[in-house]
Amino acid sequence: MIEAVEWVVGVRGITATPCQAHQLPQPYRHLLDHKGNMTPRLAQFHNVSLDKVRLAVLDSSIVELVPKGERLLQRRVVLHGPDFHLYEVGAIRIFVDRLPERIRDEVLKATKPLGSLLLAQKVDQTSRVEGFFQTSSFEVVVSELKSKISQISIDCSAGEAFGRKNVLVSSTGVTLAEVIELIPPM
């Protein structure tokens, strides 16, 4: 799990401790312990419409998976509000060629969060949470974010940040994406 958290922020030395759902304090448990997409949950929590949740890509790369020849899109992202208030830091691996063809181009363009696109296009899928974690190393995340997106508003108190490892699965059981989602301290 530590490697996954380090991947999110792009920095080595992050400390992360696995935890169970019942150990997540509110509002983190509400935000993380569910089988739905994160984007609508964040929109509801922050009292904004779904189209107001913005995506900022920190970095992105596409690799071809051998021997299948599938494209794997790897991104580190930030979801934020219209005022640049930080909602989530994440990393996602999207199996582009497993997505419905009608949304592949939009996913590659990175104009909206994947969860918003899946909902808008009525893609039948579910989330399979594989684990939760907590970290007190959020100051490392803040430093990395400020170096990439200067206008991001990180209004969070010192303390623990919580996250989850999640897999988006199609209705036929095919993995569409693997996601690490980290909610900042509140």
C-alpha atoms as a PDB file:
ATOM      1  CA  MET A   1       0.000   0.000   0.000  1.00  0.00           C
ATOM      2  CA  ILE A   2       2.899   2.396   0.720  1.00  0.00           C
ATOM      3  CA  GLU A   3       4.126   2.064  -2.868  1.00  0.00           C
ATOM      4  CA  ALA A   4       0.639   2.991  -4.062  1.00  0.00           C
ATOM      5  CA  VAL A   5       0.569   6.115  -1.897  1.00  0.00           C
ATOM      6  CA  GLU A   6       4.074   7.096  -3.048  1.00  0.00           C
ATOM      7  CA  TRP A   7       2.857   6.720  -6.642  1.00  0.00           C
ATOM      8  CA  VAL A   8       0.015   9.175  -5.944  1.00  0.00           C
ATOM      9  CA  VAL A   9       2.296  11.961  -4.784  1.00  0.00           C
ATOM     10  CA  GLY A  10       5.339  11.038  -6.833  1.00  0.00           C
ATOM     11  CA  VAL A  11       7.604  11.253  -3.807  1.00  0.00           C
ATOM     12  CA  ARG A  12       9.392   8.540  -1.851  1.00  0.00           C
ATOM     13  CA  GLY A  13       9.253   8.408   1.927  1.00  0.00           C
ATOM     14  CA  ILE A  14       5.515   8.624   2.481  1.00  0.00           C
ATOM     15  CA  THR A  15       4.293   6.747   5.518  1.00  0.00           C
ATOM     16  CA  ALA A  16       0.935   5.021   5.128  1.00  0.00           C
ATOM     17  CA  THR A  17      -0.784   2.618   7.459  1.00  0.00           C
ATOM     18  CA  PRO A  18      -3.471   0.206   6.292  1.00  0.00           C
ATOM     19  CA  CYS A  19      -6.741   0.452   8.201  1.00  0.00           C
ATOM     20  CA  GLN A  20     -10.213  -1.055   8.163  1.00  0.00           C
ATOM     21  CA  ALA A  21     -13.400   0.758   7.128  1.00  0.00           C
ATOM     22  CA  HIS A  22     -14.673   0.869  10.721  1.00  0.00           C
ATOM     23  CA  GLN A  23     -11.475   2.716  11.719  1.00  0.00           C
ATOM     24  CA  LEU A  24     -12.115   5.599   9.313  1.00  0.00           C
ATOM     25  CA  PRO A  25     -13.425   8.674  11.143  1.00  0.00           C
ATOM     26  CA  GLN A  26     -16.263  10.686   9.642  1.00  0.00           C
ATOM     27  CA  PRO A  27     -16.445  12.299   7.132  1.00  0.00           C
ATOM     28  CA  TYR A  28     -13.749  10.077   5.605  1.00  0.00           C
ATOM     29  CA  ARG A  29     -15.788   6.916   6.062  1.00  0.00           C
ATOM     30  CA  HIS A  30     -18.708   8.474   4.190  1.00  0.00           C
ATOM     31  CA  LEU A  31     -16.392   9.643   1.400  1.00  0.00           C
ATOM     32  CA  LEU A  32     -14.378   6.435   1.030  1.00  0.00           C
ATOM     33  CA  ASP A  33     -16.440   3.419   2.147  1.00  0.00           C
ATOM     34  CA  HIS A  34     -18.897   2.866  -0.724  1.00  0.00           C
ATOM     35  CA  LYS A  35     -19.224   0.999  -4.003  1.00  0.00           C
ATOM     36  CA  GLY A  36     -19.887   4.061  -6.156  1.00  0.00           C
ATOM     37  CA  ASN A  37     -17.694   6.495  -8.033  1.00  0.00           C
ATOM     38  CA  MET A  38     -15.816   9.046  -5.955  1.00  0.00           C
ATOM     39  CA  THR A  39     -16.609  12.107  -8.090  1.00  0.00           C
ATOM     40  CA  PRO A  40     -20.357  12.301  -7.311  1.00  0.00           C
ATOM     41  CA  ARG A  41     -19.656  11.610  -3.630  1.00  0.00           C
ATOM     42  CA  LEU A  42     -17.193  14.522  -3.536  1.00  0.00           C
ATOM     43  CA  ALA A  43     -19.628  16.800  -5.375  1.00  0.00           C
ATOM     44  CA  GLN A  44     -22.379  16.016  -2.875  1.00  0.00           C
ATOM     45  CA  PHE A  45     -20.075  16.462   0.126  1.00  0.00           C
ATOM     46  CA  HIS A  46     -18.750  19.817  -1.105  1.00  0.00           C
ATOM     47  CA  ASN A  47     -22.237  20.938  -2.147  1.00  0.00           C
ATOM     48  CA  VAL A  48     -21.418  21.542  -5.811  1.00  0.00           C
ATOM     49  CA  SER A  49     -22.947  20.093  -8.956  1.00  0.00           C
ATOM     50  CA  LEU A  50     -21.106  17.194 -10.578  1.00  0.00           C
ATOM     51  CA  ASP A  51     -19.977  19.357 -13.504  1.00  0.00           C
ATOM     52  CA  LYS A  52     -18.220  21.723 -11.060  1.00  0.00           C
ATOM     53  CA  VAL A  53     -15.761  19.045  -9.902  1.00  0.00           C
ATOM     54  CA  ARG A  54     -12.631  19.807 -11.919  1.00  0.00           C
ATOM     55  CA  LEU A  55      -9.784  17.552 -13.013  1.00  0.00           C
ATOM     56  CA  ALA A  56      -6.167  18.703 -13.043  1.00  0.00           C
ATOM     57  CA  VAL A  57      -3.625  16.232 -14.409  1.00  0.00           C
ATOM     58  CA  LEU A  58      -0.244  16.322 -12.653  1.00  0.00           C
ATOM     59  CA  ASP A  59       1.314  13.883 -15.097  1.00  0.00           C
ATOM     60  CA  SER A  60       0.197  11.258 -17.562  1.00  0.00           C
ATOM     61  CA  SER A  61       1.657   8.456 -19.658  1.00  0.00           C
ATOM     62  CA  ILE A  62       0.397   5.666 -21.879  1.00  0.00           C
ATOM     63  CA  VAL A  63       2.064   2.289 -22.034  1.00  0.00           C
ATOM     64  CA  GLU A  64       1.227  -0.677 -24.200  1.00  0.00           C
ATOM     65  CA  LEU A  65       0.664  -3.855 -22.259  1.00  0.00           C
ATOM     66  CA  VAL A  66       2.436  -6.855 -23.700  1.00  0.00           C
ATOM     67  CA  PRO A  67       1.339  -9.398 -24.932  1.00  0.00           C
ATOM     68  CA  LYS A  68      -2.263  -8.144 -25.201  1.00  0.00           C
ATOM     69  CA  GLY A  69      -1.435  -4.850 -26.923  1.00  0.00           C
ATOM     70  CA  GLU A  70      -3.819  -2.928 -24.660  1.00  0.00           C
ATOM     71  CA  ARG A  71      -3.198   0.710 -23.800  1.00  0.00           C
ATOM     72  CA  LEU A  72      -2.758   1.525 -20.124  1.00  0.00           C
ATOM     73  CA  LEU A  73      -3.182   5.199 -19.258  1.00  0.00           C
ATOM     74  CA  GLN A  74      -1.431   6.158 -16.006  1.00  0.00           C
ATOM     75  CA  ARG A  75      -2.211   9.506 -14.418  1.00  0.00           C
ATOM     76  CA  ARG A  76      -1.669  11.400 -11.206  1.00  0.00           C
ATOM     77  CA  VAL A  77      -4.543  13.805 -10.728  1.00  0.00           C
ATOM     78  CA  VAL A  78      -6.184  16.334  -8.476  1.00  0.00           C
ATOM     79  CA  LEU A  79      -9.924  16.818  -8.185  1.00  0.00           C
ATOM     80  CA  HIS A  80     -10.870  20.307  -7.052  1.00  0.00           C
ATOM     81  CA  GLY A  81     -13.783  22.693  -6.936  1.00  0.00           C
ATOM     82  CA  PRO A  82     -14.426  25.756  -9.104  1.00  0.00           C
ATOM     83  CA  ASP A  83     -12.573  27.837  -6.495  1.00  0.00           C
ATOM     84  CA  PHE A  84      -9.548  25.470  -6.738  1.00  0.00           C
ATOM     85  CA  HIS A  85     -10.305  24.053  -3.283  1.00  0.00           C
ATOM     86  CA  LEU A  86      -8.633  20.620  -3.087  1.00  0.00           C
ATOM     87  CA  TYR A  87     -11.077  17.681  -2.895  1.00  0.00           C
ATOM     88  CA  GLU A  88      -8.846  14.705  -3.654  1.00  0.00           C
ATOM     89  CA  VAL A  89      -5.402  13.662  -4.822  1.00  0.00           C
ATOM     90  CA  GLY A  90      -5.337  10.486  -6.837  1.00  0.00           C
ATOM     91  CA  ALA A  91      -3.542   8.175  -9.155  1.00  0.00           C
ATOM     92  CA  ILE A  92      -5.321   6.092 -11.732  1.00  0.00           C
ATOM     93  CA  ARG A  93      -4.457   3.367 -14.186  1.00  0.00           C
ATOM     94  CA  ILE A  94      -7.100   3.208 -16.897  1.00  0.00           C
ATOM     95  CA  PHE A  95      -7.320   0.246 -19.262  1.00  0.00           C
ATOM     96  CA  VAL A  96      -8.344   2.424 -22.202  1.00  0.00           C
ATOM     97  CA  ASP A  97      -9.241  -0.354 -24.638  1.00  0.00           C
ATOM     98  CA  ARG A  98     -11.570  -1.987 -22.098  1.00  0.00           C
ATOM     99  CA  LEU A  99     -13.719   1.143 -21.920  1.00  0.00           C
ATOM    100  CA  PRO A 100     -16.668   1.597 -24.264  1.00  0.00           C
ATOM    101  CA  GLU A 101     -15.369   3.065 -27.501  1.00  0.00           C
ATOM    102  CA  ARG A 102     -17.709   6.063 -27.179  1.00  0.00           C
ATOM    103  CA  ILE A 103     -15.764   7.491 -24.197  1.00  0.00           C
ATOM    104  CA  ARG A 104     -12.154   6.576 -25.011  1.00  0.00           C
ATOM    105  CA  ASP A 105     -11.262   9.850 -26.744  1.00  0.00           C
ATOM    106  CA  GLU A 106     -12.749  11.932 -23.948  1.00  0.00           C
ATOM    107  CA  VAL A 107     -10.836   9.904 -21.345  1.00  0.00           C
ATOM    108  CA  LEU A 108      -7.596  10.501 -23.229  1.00  0.00           C
ATOM    109  CA  LYS A 109      -8.322  14.262 -23.486  1.00  0.00           C
ATOM    110  CA  ALA A 110      -8.631  14.480 -19.656  1.00  0.00           C
ATOM    111  CA  THR A 111     -11.326  17.142 -19.643  1.00  0.00           C
ATOM    112  CA  LYS A 112     -13.417  15.515 -16.878  1.00  0.00           C
ATOM    113  CA  PRO A 113     -12.873  13.019 -14.052  1.00  0.00           C
ATOM    114  CA  LEU A 114     -13.361   9.397 -15.118  1.00  0.00           C
ATOM    115  CA  GLY A 115     -16.275   8.968 -12.685  1.00  0.00           C
ATOM    116  CA  SER A 116     -18.141  11.872 -14.300  1.00  0.00           C
ATOM    117  CA  LEU A 117     -17.604  10.434 -17.778  1.00  0.00           C
ATOM    118  CA  LEU A 118     -18.762   6.960 -16.753  1.00  0.00           C
ATOM    119  CA  LEU A 119     -21.930   8.397 -15.212  1.00  0.00           C
ATOM    120  CA  ALA A 120     -22.682  10.758 -18.104  1.00  0.00           C
ATOM    121  CA  GLN A 121     -22.276   7.941 -20.624  1.00  0.00           C
ATOM    122  CA  LYS A 122     -24.229   5.488 -18.434  1.00  0.00           C
ATOM    123  CA  VAL A 123     -21.404   2.944 -18.340  1.00  0.00           C
ATOM    124  CA  ASP A 124     -22.545   0.083 -16.104  1.00  0.00           C
ATOM    125  CA  GLN A 125     -19.752  -0.475 -13.567  1.00  0.00           C
ATOM    126  CA  THR A 126     -19.096  -0.729  -9.864  1.00  0.00           C
ATOM    127  CA  SER A 127     -16.296  -0.009  -7.426  1.00  0.00           C
ATOM    128  CA  ARG A 128     -14.482  -2.775  -5.594  1.00  0.00           C
ATOM    129  CA  VAL A 129     -12.613  -1.288  -2.658  1.00  0.00           C
ATOM    130  CA  GLU A 130      -9.427  -3.244  -1.951  1.00  0.00           C
ATOM    131  CA  GLY A 131      -8.295  -1.393   1.141  1.00  0.00           C
ATOM    132  CA  PHE A 132      -8.089   1.793   3.146  1.00  0.00           C
ATOM    133  CA  PHE A 133      -5.087   3.666   4.538  1.00  0.00           C
ATOM    134  CA  GLN A 134      -4.149   6.690   6.586  1.00  0.00           C
ATOM    135  CA  THR A 135      -1.118   8.931   6.367  1.00  0.00           C
ATOM    136  CA  SER A 136       0.262  11.764   8.433  1.00  0.00           C
ATOM    137  CA  SER A 137       2.661  12.696   5.596  1.00  0.00           C
ATOM    138  CA  PHE A 138       0.266  15.060   3.866  1.00  0.00           C
ATOM    139  CA  GLU A 139       2.751  17.944   4.047  1.00  0.00           C
ATOM    140  CA  VAL A 140       4.800  16.073   1.416  1.00  0.00           C
ATOM    141  CA  VAL A 141       1.704  15.954  -0.788  1.00  0.00           C
ATOM    142  CA  VAL A 142       1.099  19.694  -0.310  1.00  0.00           C
ATOM    143  CA  SER A 143       4.663  20.496  -1.331  1.00  0.00           C
ATOM    144  CA  GLU A 144       4.377  18.369  -4.485  1.00  0.00           C
ATOM    145  CA  LEU A 145       0.998  19.865  -5.414  1.00  0.00           C
ATOM    146  CA  LYS A 146       2.113  23.458  -4.958  1.00  0.00           C
ATOM    147  CA  SER A 147       5.052  22.820  -7.272  1.00  0.00           C
ATOM    148  CA  LYS A 148       2.698  21.541  -9.997  1.00  0.00           C
ATOM    149  CA  ILE A 149      -0.490  23.609  -9.564  1.00  0.00           C
ATOM    150  CA  SER A 150       0.220  26.938  -7.907  1.00  0.00           C
ATOM    151  CA  GLN A 151      -3.414  28.093  -7.763  1.00  0.00           C
ATOM    152  CA  ILE A 152      -4.677  25.022  -5.872  1.00  0.00           C
ATOM    153  CA  SER A 153      -6.202  25.965  -2.524  1.00  0.00           C
ATOM    154  CA  ILE A 154      -5.079  23.571   0.163  1.00  0.00           C
ATOM    155  CA  ASP A 155      -7.077  24.646   3.175  1.00  0.00           C
ATOM    156  CA  CYS A 156      -6.494  21.734   5.492  1.00  0.00           C
ATOM    157  CA  SER A 157      -5.432  21.420   9.062  1.00  0.00           C
ATOM    158  CA  ALA A 158      -2.501  19.327  10.125  1.00  0.00           C
ATOM    159  CA  GLY A 159      -3.466  15.767  10.798  1.00  0.00           C
ATOM    160  CA  GLU A 160      -4.274  12.508   9.163  1.00  0.00           C
ATOM    161  CA  ALA A 161      -5.332  12.119   5.555  1.00  0.00           C
ATOM    162  CA  PHE A 162      -7.248   8.994   4.562  1.00  0.00           C
ATOM    163  CA  GLY A 163      -7.561   7.127   1.318  1.00  0.00           C
ATOM    164  CA  ARG A 164      -8.539   3.960  -0.457  1.00  0.00           C
ATOM    165  CA  LYS A 165      -7.370   1.620  -3.150  1.00  0.00           C
ATOM    166  CA  ASN A 166     -10.236   0.973  -5.514  1.00  0.00           C
ATOM    167  CA  VAL A 167     -10.881  -0.983  -8.700  1.00  0.00           C
ATOM    168  CA  LEU A 168     -13.562   0.019 -11.201  1.00  0.00           C
ATOM    169  CA  VAL A 169     -15.111  -3.119 -12.663  1.00  0.00           C
ATOM    170  CA  SER A 170     -17.494  -3.485 -15.612  1.00  0.00           C
ATOM    171  CA  SER A 171     -20.812  -5.309 -15.287  1.00  0.00           C
ATOM    172  CA  THR A 172     -19.093  -8.335 -16.858  1.00  0.00           C
ATOM    173  CA  GLY A 173     -16.316  -8.344 -14.243  1.00  0.00           C
ATOM    174  CA  VAL A 174     -13.592  -6.767 -16.396  1.00  0.00           C
ATOM    175  CA  THR A 175     -11.223  -4.329 -14.652  1.00  0.00           C
ATOM    176  CA  LEU A 176     -11.596  -0.871 -16.209  1.00  0.00           C
ATOM    177  CA  ALA A 177      -9.340   1.097 -13.859  1.00  0.00           C
ATOM    178  CA  GLU A 178      -7.316   0.906 -10.649  1.00  0.00           C
ATOM    179  CA  VAL A 179      -7.434   3.993  -8.461  1.00  0.00           C
ATOM    180  CA  ILE A 180      -5.713   5.310  -5.348  1.00  0.00           C
ATOM    181  CA  GLU A 181      -7.764   8.130  -3.822  1.00  0.00           C
ATOM    182  CA  LEU A 182      -6.484  10.356  -1.000  1.00  0.00           C
ATOM    183  CA  ILE A 183      -8.719  12.829   0.840  1.00  0.00           C
ATOM    184  CA  PRO A 184      -6.808  15.697   2.503  1.00  0.00           C
ATOM    185  CA  PRO A 185      -7.007  16.407   6.247  1.00  0.00           C
ATOM    186  CA  MET A 186     -10.161  18.268   7.269  1.00  0.00           C
END
